[in-house]
Structures are given as C-alpha cells and as structure tokens.
Amino acid sequence: MRKLRASKWFLAISCFVLLLTTCSFANHVVGPAPPATSLSLGTTFRSYRAPFSVNAAAWSPDGKRIASVGDDVRIWQAS
C-alpha cells in the first residue's frame, strides 16, 4: 500500500514539474510598428529569395531589423 501511495505522489509531482517546464512565462509585448513609408499598401519594395520557406516574420521593437523563422532563423536589416 505504501509503495502505491509513493508512486502516485511521484507521478503527480512529475506531471506538475513537466507542466511548469513546458509553460512559457514570458510576456509577449508587441513593439511599435516601423515608421510609415510613402509606399502604398501591397507594393513590394524589395524581395529576397530564401532557400527554405518562411513560417513567420517579426519586426524588432526599434523597427531596424526583421527576424524570419522557417527551417532556420535569420535577422535582416530593414533599412
């Protein structure tokens, strides 16, 4: 009986630790948008070809860099 109780406690604590380690406690703060340009919406200013697909992209808070994520992570100068 005692071994069964100890194994249940071990399982409960293991699940709790797993939950804590997989949760993200980071605050996701969205930075200001980059400065507006004279380009109209939908206009392609410059295009780059990448060897892999891009799954997501984000501006840096100061608007000077763009991070793209796909099979790798790349940091681009926006200016």
PDB file of N, CA and C in Angstrom:
ATOM      1  N   MET A   1       0.825  -1.190   0.000  1.00  0.00           N
ATOM      2  CA  MET A   1       0.000   0.000   0.000  1.00  0.00           C
ATOM      3  C   MET A   1       0.868   1.252   0.000  1.00  0.00           C
ATOM      4  N   ARG A   2       1.951   1.218   0.784  1.00  0.00           N
ATOM      5  CA  ARG A   2       2.821   2.383   0.888  1.00  0.00           C
ATOM      6  C   ARG A   2       3.523   2.675  -0.439  1.00  0.00           C
ATOM      7  N   LYS A   3       3.938   1.610  -1.174  1.00  0.00           N
ATOM      8  CA  LYS A   3       4.600   1.811  -2.458  1.00  0.00           C
ATOM      9  C   LYS A   3       3.640   2.421  -3.468  1.00  0.00           C
ATOM     10  N   LEU A   4       2.393   2.010  -3.447  1.00  0.00           N
ATOM     11  CA  LEU A   4       1.406   2.551  -4.366  1.00  0.00           C
ATOM     12  C   LEU A   4       1.192   4.037  -4.097  1.00  0.00           C
ATOM     13  N   ARG A   5       1.116   4.430  -2.850  1.00  0.00           N
ATOM     14  CA  ARG A   5       0.924   5.828  -2.494  1.00  0.00           C
ATOM     15  C   ARG A   5       2.138   6.656  -2.928  1.00  0.00           C
ATOM     16  N   ALA A   6       3.343   6.124  -2.728  1.00  0.00           N
ATOM     17  CA  ALA A   6       4.557   6.836  -3.121  1.00  0.00           C
ATOM     18  C   ALA A   6       4.628   6.996  -4.636  1.00  0.00           C
ATOM     19  N   SER A   7       4.221   5.985  -5.374  1.00  0.00           N
ATOM     20  CA  SER A   7       4.275   6.094  -6.831  1.00  0.00           C
ATOM     21  C   SER A   7       3.246   7.096  -7.350  1.00  0.00           C
ATOM     22  N   LYS A   8       2.091   7.203  -6.684  1.00  0.00           N
ATOM     23  CA  LYS A   8       1.103   8.214  -7.080  1.00  0.00           C
ATOM     24  C   LYS A   8       1.642   9.616  -6.827  1.00  0.00           C
ATOM     25  N   TRP A   9       2.316   9.811  -5.696  1.00  0.00           N
ATOM     26  CA  TRP A   9       2.915  11.116  -5.406  1.00  0.00           C
ATOM     27  C   TRP A   9       3.997  11.448  -6.431  1.00  0.00           C
ATOM     28  N   PHE A  10       4.820  10.453  -6.755  1.00  0.00           N
ATOM     29  CA  PHE A  10       5.875  10.666  -7.738  1.00  0.00           C
ATOM     30  C   PHE A  10       5.276  11.049  -9.088  1.00  0.00           C
ATOM     31  N   LEU A  11       4.212  10.368  -9.492  1.00  0.00           N
ATOM     32  CA  LEU A  11       3.555  10.670 -10.757  1.00  0.00           C
ATOM     33  C   LEU A  11       2.953  12.074 -10.736  1.00  0.00           C
ATOM     34  N   ALA A  12       2.310  12.443  -9.641  1.00  0.00           N
ATOM     35  CA  ALA A  12       1.701  13.767  -9.538  1.00  0.00           C
ATOM     36  C   ALA A  12       2.760  14.863  -9.584  1.00  0.00           C
ATOM     37  N   ILE A  13       3.849  14.680  -8.864  1.00  0.00           N
ATOM     38  CA  ILE A  13       4.912  15.688  -8.850  1.00  0.00           C
ATOM     39  C   ILE A  13       5.590  15.763 -10.212  1.00  0.00           C
ATOM     40  N   SER A  14       5.780  14.626 -10.866  1.00  0.00           N
ATOM     41  CA  SER A  14       6.390  14.618 -12.197  1.00  0.00           C
ATOM     42  C   SER A  14       5.531  15.375 -13.201  1.00  0.00           C
ATOM     43  N   CYS A  15       4.225  15.173 -13.146  1.00  0.00           N
ATOM     44  CA  CYS A  15       3.319  15.897 -14.043  1.00  0.00           C
ATOM     45  C   CYS A  15       3.353  17.392 -13.766  1.00  0.00           C
ATOM     46  N   PHE A  16       3.401  17.764 -12.496  1.00  0.00           N
ATOM     47  CA  PHE A  16       3.450  19.175 -12.130  1.00  0.00           C
ATOM     48  C   PHE A  16       4.742  19.819 -12.625  1.00  0.00           C
ATOM     49  N   VAL A  17       5.869  19.141 -12.459  1.00  0.00           N
ATOM     50  CA  VAL A  17       7.153  19.674 -12.930  1.00  0.00           C
ATOM     51  C   VAL A  17       7.161  19.778 -14.449  1.00  0.00           C
ATOM     52  N   LEU A  18       6.608  18.790 -15.128  1.00  0.00           N
ATOM     53  CA  LEU A  18       6.524  18.830 -16.579  1.00  0.00           C
ATOM     54  C   LEU A  18       5.668  20.006 -17.035  1.00  0.00           C
ATOM     55  N   LEU A  19       4.571  20.244 -16.350  1.00  0.00           N
ATOM     56  CA  LEU A  19       3.711  21.376 -16.671  1.00  0.00           C
ATOM     57  C   LEU A  19       4.451  22.691 -16.490  1.00  0.00           C
ATOM     58  N   LEU A  20       5.194  22.825 -15.402  1.00  0.00           N
ATOM     59  CA  LEU A  20       5.939  24.056 -15.153  1.00  0.00           C
ATOM     60  C   LEU A  20       7.029  24.289 -16.190  1.00  0.00           C
ATOM     61  N   THR A  21       7.699  23.238 -16.609  1.00  0.00           N
ATOM     62  CA  THR A  21       8.800  23.411 -17.556  1.00  0.00           C
ATOM     63  C   THR A  21       8.327  23.660 -18.978  1.00  0.00           C
ATOM     64  N   THR A  22       7.111  23.282 -19.314  1.00  0.00           N
ATOM     65  CA  THR A  22       6.628  23.497 -20.675  1.00  0.00           C
ATOM     66  C   THR A  22       5.832  24.777 -20.828  1.00  0.00           C
ATOM     67  N   CYS A  23       5.437  25.401 -19.740  1.00  0.00           N
ATOM     68  CA  CYS A  23       4.688  26.650 -19.819  1.00  0.00           C
ATOM     69  C   CYS A  23       5.648  27.804 -20.063  1.00  0.00           C
ATOM     70  N   SER A  24       5.201  28.764 -20.813  1.00  0.00           N
ATOM     71  CA  SER A  24       6.014  29.950 -21.068  1.00  0.00           C
ATOM     72  C   SER A  24       5.516  31.072 -20.173  1.00  0.00           C
ATOM     73  N   PHE A  25       6.424  31.621 -19.389  1.00  0.00           N
ATOM     74  CA  PHE A  25       6.065  32.718 -18.503  1.00  0.00           C
ATOM     75  C   PHE A  25       6.479  34.061 -19.087  1.00  0.00           C
ATOM     76  N   ALA A  26       6.961  34.087 -20.319  1.00  0.00           N
ATOM     77  CA  ALA A  26       7.424  35.331 -20.934  1.00  0.00           C
ATOM     78  C   ALA A  26       6.228  36.206 -21.294  1.00  0.00           C
ATOM     79  N   ASN A  27       6.397  37.486 -21.109  1.00  0.00           N
ATOM     80  CA  ASN A  27       5.370  38.437 -21.520  1.00  0.00           C
ATOM     81  C   ASN A  27       5.574  38.727 -22.998  1.00  0.00           C
ATOM     82  N   HIS A  28       4.561  38.522 -23.783  1.00  0.00           N
ATOM     83  CA  HIS A  28       4.649  38.787 -25.206  1.00  0.00           C
ATOM     84  C   HIS A  28       4.190  40.222 -25.445  1.00  0.00           C
ATOM     85  N   VAL A  29       5.163  41.107 -25.579  1.00  0.00           N
ATOM     86  CA  VAL A  29       4.873  42.521 -25.763  1.00  0.00           C
ATOM     87  C   VAL A  29       5.078  42.857 -27.228  1.00  0.00           C
ATOM     88  N   VAL A  30       4.100  43.463 -27.817  1.00  0.00           N
ATOM     89  CA  VAL A  30       4.204  43.870 -29.209  1.00  0.00           C
ATOM     90  C   VAL A  30       4.798  45.262 -29.246  1.00  0.00           C
ATOM     91  N   GLY A  31       5.873  45.414 -29.992  1.00  0.00           N
ATOM     92  CA  GLY A  31       6.552  46.705 -30.097  1.00  0.00           C
ATOM     93  C   GLY A  31       5.825  47.623 -31.060  1.00  0.00           C
ATOM     94  N   PRO A  32       6.307  48.846 -31.145  1.00  0.00           N
ATOM     95  CA  PRO A  32       5.685  49.805 -32.058  1.00  0.00           C
ATOM     96  C   PRO A  32       5.915  49.396 -33.509  1.00  0.00           C
ATOM     97  N   ALA A  33       5.022  49.799 -34.367  1.00  0.00           N
ATOM     98  CA  ALA A  33       5.155  49.497 -35.787  1.00  0.00           C
ATOM     99  C   ALA A  33       6.312  50.301 -36.368  1.00  0.00           C
ATOM    100  N   PRO A  34       6.948  49.781 -37.396  1.00  0.00           N
ATOM    101  CA  PRO A  34       8.025  50.542 -38.017  1.00  0.00           C
ATOM    102  C   PRO A  34       7.487  51.830 -38.633  1.00  0.00           C
ATOM    103  N   PRO A  35       8.353  52.807 -38.858  1.00  0.00           N
ATOM    104  CA  PRO A  35       7.874  54.081 -39.400  1.00  0.00           C
ATOM    105  C   PRO A  35       7.190  53.893 -40.755  1.00  0.00           C
ATOM    106  N   ALA A  36       6.187  54.688 -41.002  1.00  0.00           N
ATOM    107  CA  ALA A  36       5.441  54.602 -42.254  1.00  0.00           C
ATOM    108  C   ALA A  36       6.309  55.090 -43.409  1.00  0.00           C
ATOM    109  N   THR A  37       6.079  54.526 -44.587  1.00  0.00           N
ATOM    110  CA  THR A  37       6.803  54.942 -45.784  1.00  0.00           C
ATOM    111  C   THR A  37       5.813  55.508 -46.781  1.00  0.00           C
ATOM    112  N   SER A  38       6.345  55.994 -47.875  1.00  0.00           N
ATOM    113  CA  SER A  38       5.473  56.555 -48.904  1.00  0.00           C
ATOM    114  C   SER A  38       4.926  55.476 -49.842  1.00  0.00           C
ATOM    115  N   LEU A  39       5.256  54.217 -49.590  1.00  0.00           N
ATOM    116  CA  LEU A  39       4.747  53.136 -50.430  1.00  0.00           C
ATOM    117  C   LEU A  39       3.285  52.855 -50.109  1.00  0.00           C
ATOM    118  N   SER A  40       2.518  52.560 -51.134  1.00  0.00           N
ATOM    119  CA  SER A  40       1.120  52.214 -50.892  1.00  0.00           C
ATOM    120  C   SER A  40       1.037  50.765 -50.432  1.00  0.00           C
ATOM    121  N   LEU A  41      -0.070  50.416 -49.799  1.00  0.00           N
ATOM    122  CA  LEU A  41      -0.251  49.053 -49.316  1.00  0.00           C
ATOM    123  C   LEU A  41      -0.225  48.073 -50.478  1.00  0.00           C
ATOM    124  N   GLY A  42       0.442  46.955 -50.267  1.00  0.00           N
ATOM    125  CA  GLY A  42       0.511  45.929 -51.289  1.00  0.00           C
ATOM    126  C   GLY A  42       1.652  46.106 -52.268  1.00  0.00           C
ATOM    127  N   THR A  43       2.429  47.185 -52.140  1.00  0.00           N
ATOM    128  CA  THR A  43       3.564  47.410 -53.026  1.00  0.00           C
ATOM    129  C   THR A  43       4.782  46.673 -52.499  1.00  0.00           C
ATOM    130  N   THR A  44       5.443  45.905 -53.362  1.00  0.00           N
ATOM    131  CA  THR A  44       6.664  45.209 -52.969  1.00  0.00           C
ATOM    132  C   THR A  44       7.834  46.157 -53.149  1.00  0.00           C
ATOM    133  N   PHE A  45       8.509  46.455 -52.067  1.00  0.00           N
ATOM    134  CA  PHE A  45       9.652  47.365 -52.111  1.00  0.00           C
ATOM    135  C   PHE A  45      10.908  46.621 -52.523  1.00  0.00           C
ATOM    136  N   ARG A  46      11.165  45.504 -51.891  1.00  0.00           N
ATOM    137  CA  ARG A  46      12.337  44.685 -52.191  1.00  0.00           C
ATOM    138  C   ARG A  46      11.984  43.244 -51.875  1.00  0.00           C
ATOM    139  N   SER A  47      12.470  42.338 -52.661  1.00  0.00           N
ATOM    140  CA  SER A  47      12.161  40.927 -52.469  1.00  0.00           C
ATOM    141  C   SER A  47      13.452  40.132 -52.361  1.00  0.00           C
ATOM    142  N   TYR A  48      13.461  39.151 -51.468  1.00  0.00           N
ATOM    143  CA  TYR A  48      14.612  38.271 -51.293  1.00  0.00           C
ATOM    144  C   TYR A  48      14.146  36.834 -51.462  1.00  0.00           C
ATOM    145  N   ARG A  49      15.001  36.030 -52.043  1.00  0.00           N
ATOM    146  CA  ARG A  49      14.699  34.606 -52.163  1.00  0.00           C
ATOM    147  C   ARG A  49      15.426  33.876 -51.052  1.00  0.00           C
ATOM    148  N   ALA A  50      14.737  32.965 -50.425  1.00  0.00           N
ATOM    149  CA  ALA A  50      15.327  32.163 -49.353  1.00  0.00           C
ATOM    150  C   ALA A  50      15.321  30.702 -49.795  1.00  0.00           C
ATOM    151  N   PRO A  51      16.313  29.919 -49.360  1.00  0.00           N
ATOM    152  CA  PRO A  51      16.343  28.512 -49.756  1.00  0.00           C
ATOM    153  C   PRO A  51      15.239  27.677 -49.101  1.00  0.00           C
ATOM    154  N   PHE A  52      14.655  28.174 -48.015  1.00  0.00           N
ATOM    155  CA  PHE A  52      13.607  27.449 -47.305  1.00  0.00           C
ATOM    156  C   PHE A  52      12.398  28.358 -47.142  1.00  0.00           C
ATOM    157  N   SER A  53      11.286  27.778 -46.771  1.00  0.00           N
ATOM    158  CA  SER A  53      10.082  28.574 -46.565  1.00  0.00           C
ATOM    159  C   SER A  53      10.197  29.394 -45.287  1.00  0.00           C
ATOM    160  N   VAL A  54       9.468  30.485 -45.243  1.00  0.00           N
ATOM    161  CA  VAL A  54       9.413  31.342 -44.061  1.00  0.00           C
ATOM    162  C   VAL A  54       8.058  31.126 -43.411  1.00  0.00           C
ATOM    163  N   ASN A  55       8.063  30.719 -42.138  1.00  0.00           N
ATOM    164  CA  ASN A  55       6.817  30.448 -41.419  1.00  0.00           C
ATOM    165  C   ASN A  55       6.299  31.667 -40.679  1.00  0.00           C
ATOM    166  N   ALA A  56       7.206  32.558 -40.260  1.00  0.00           N
ATOM    167  CA  ALA A  56       6.800  33.753 -39.522  1.00  0.00           C
ATOM    168  C   ALA A  56       7.882  34.808 -39.663  1.00  0.00           C
ATOM    169  N   ALA A  57       7.486  36.055 -39.498  1.00  0.00           N
ATOM    170  CA  ALA A  57       8.428  37.175 -39.524  1.00  0.00           C
ATOM    171  C   ALA A  57       7.951  38.207 -38.520  1.00  0.00           C
ATOM    172  N   ALA A  58       8.898  38.935 -37.934  1.00  0.00           N
ATOM    173  CA  ALA A  58       8.536  39.949 -36.940  1.00  0.00           C
ATOM    174  C   ALA A  58       9.536  41.094 -36.995  1.00  0.00           C
ATOM    175  N   TRP A  59       9.050  42.313 -36.767  1.00  0.00           N
ATOM    176  CA  TRP A  59       9.899  43.499 -36.685  1.00  0.00           C
ATOM    177  C   TRP A  59      10.520  43.582 -35.302  1.00  0.00           C
ATOM    178  N   SER A  60      11.714  44.133 -35.224  1.00  0.00           N
ATOM    179  CA  SER A  60      12.317  44.418 -33.922  1.00  0.00           C
ATOM    180  C   SER A  60      11.596  45.622 -33.330  1.00  0.00           C
ATOM    181  N   PRO A  61      11.641  45.807 -32.009  1.00  0.00           N
ATOM    182  CA  PRO A  61      10.939  46.936 -31.390  1.00  0.00           C
ATOM    183  C   PRO A  61      11.387  48.299 -31.913  1.00  0.00           C
ATOM    184  N   ASP A  62      12.658  48.432 -32.321  1.00  0.00           N
ATOM    185  CA  ASP A  62      13.123  49.725 -32.832  1.00  0.00           C
ATOM    186  C   ASP A  62      12.865  49.889 -34.330  1.00  0.00           C
ATOM    187  N   GLY A  63      12.346  48.867 -35.004  1.00  0.00           N
ATOM    188  CA  GLY A  63      11.996  48.960 -36.413  1.00  0.00           C
ATOM    189  C   GLY A  63      13.170  48.857 -37.364  1.00  0.00           C
ATOM    190  N   LYS A  64      14.353  48.476 -36.877  1.00  0.00           N
ATOM    191  CA  LYS A  64      15.548  48.430 -37.720  1.00  0.00           C
ATOM    192  C   LYS A  64      15.840  47.043 -38.281  1.00  0.00           C
ATOM    193  N   ARG A  65      15.247  46.000 -37.702  1.00  0.00           N
ATOM    194  CA  ARG A  65      15.539  44.633 -38.125  1.00  0.00           C
ATOM    195  C   ARG A  65      14.248  43.830 -38.277  1.00  0.00           C
ATOM    196  N   ILE A  66      14.347  42.798 -39.100  1.00  0.00           N
ATOM    197  CA  ILE A  66      13.251  41.849 -39.269  1.00  0.00           C
ATOM    198  C   ILE A  66      13.817  40.463 -38.991  1.00  0.00           C
ATOM    199  N   ALA A  67      13.121  39.691 -38.179  1.00  0.00           N
ATOM    200  CA  ALA A  67      13.519  38.308 -37.916  1.00  0.00           C
ATOM    201  C   ALA A  67      12.563  37.400 -38.678  1.00  0.00           C
ATOM    202  N   SER A  68      13.122  36.472 -39.454  1.00  0.00           N
ATOM    203  CA  SER A  68      12.295  35.498 -40.162  1.00  0.00           C
ATOM    204  C   SER A  68      12.621  34.108 -39.638  1.00  0.00           C
ATOM    205  N   VAL A  69      11.583  33.283 -39.538  1.00  0.00           N
ATOM    206  CA  VAL A  69      11.728  31.942 -38.986  1.00  0.00           C
ATOM    207  C   VAL A  69      11.123  30.946 -39.962  1.00  0.00           C
ATOM    208  N   GLY A  70      11.889  29.919 -40.271  1.00  0.00           N
ATOM    209  CA  GLY A  70      11.433  28.821 -41.118  1.00  0.00           C
ATOM    210  C   GLY A  70      12.171  27.586 -40.662  1.00  0.00           C
ATOM    211  N   ASP A  71      12.976  27.037 -41.559  1.00  0.00           N
ATOM    212  CA  ASP A  71      13.861  25.947 -41.158  1.00  0.00           C
ATOM    213  C   ASP A  71      15.057  26.486 -40.387  1.00  0.00           C
ATOM    214  N   ASP A  72      15.268  27.792 -40.467  1.00  0.00           N
ATOM    215  CA  ASP A  72      16.326  28.462 -39.719  1.00  0.00           C
ATOM    216  C   ASP A  72      15.811  29.824 -39.273  1.00  0.00           C
ATOM    217  N   VAL A  73      16.617  30.542 -38.525  1.00  0.00           N
ATOM    218  CA  VAL A  73      16.265  31.888 -38.075  1.00  0.00           C
ATOM    219  C   VAL A  73      17.235  32.851 -38.735  1.00  0.00           C
ATOM    220  N   ARG A  74      16.704  33.909 -39.330  1.00  0.00           N
ATOM    221  CA  ARG A  74      17.552  34.916 -39.965  1.00  0.00           C
ATOM    222  C   ARG A  74      17.134  36.294 -39.483  1.00  0.00           C
ATOM    223  N   ILE A  75      18.140  37.143 -39.299  1.00  0.00           N
ATOM    224  CA  ILE A  75      17.920  38.533 -38.905  1.00  0.00           C
ATOM    225  C   ILE A  75      18.289  39.403 -40.101  1.00  0.00           C
ATOM    226  N   TRP A  76      17.370  40.265 -40.515  1.00  0.00           N
ATOM    227  CA  TRP A  76      17.564  41.115 -41.684  1.00  0.00           C
ATOM    228  C   TRP A  76      17.610  42.575 -41.252  1.00  0.00           C
ATOM    229  N   GLN A  77      18.449  43.371 -41.901  1.00  0.00           N
ATOM    230  CA  GLN A  77      18.449  44.820 -41.701  1.00  0.00           C
ATOM    231  C   GLN A  77      17.287  45.390 -42.506  1.00  0.00           C
ATOM    232  N   ALA A  78      16.413  46.147 -41.870  1.00  0.00           N
ATOM    233  CA  ALA A  78      15.234  46.675 -42.555  1.00  0.00           C
ATOM    234  C   ALA A  78      15.544  47.949 -43.327  1.00  0.00           C
ATOM    235  N   SER A  79      16.629  48.613 -42.992  1.00  0.00           N
ATOM    236  CA  SER A  79      16.936  49.871 -43.692  1.00  0.00           C
ATOM    237  C   SER A  79      17.959  49.684 -44.780  1.00  0.00           C
TER     238      SER A  79
END
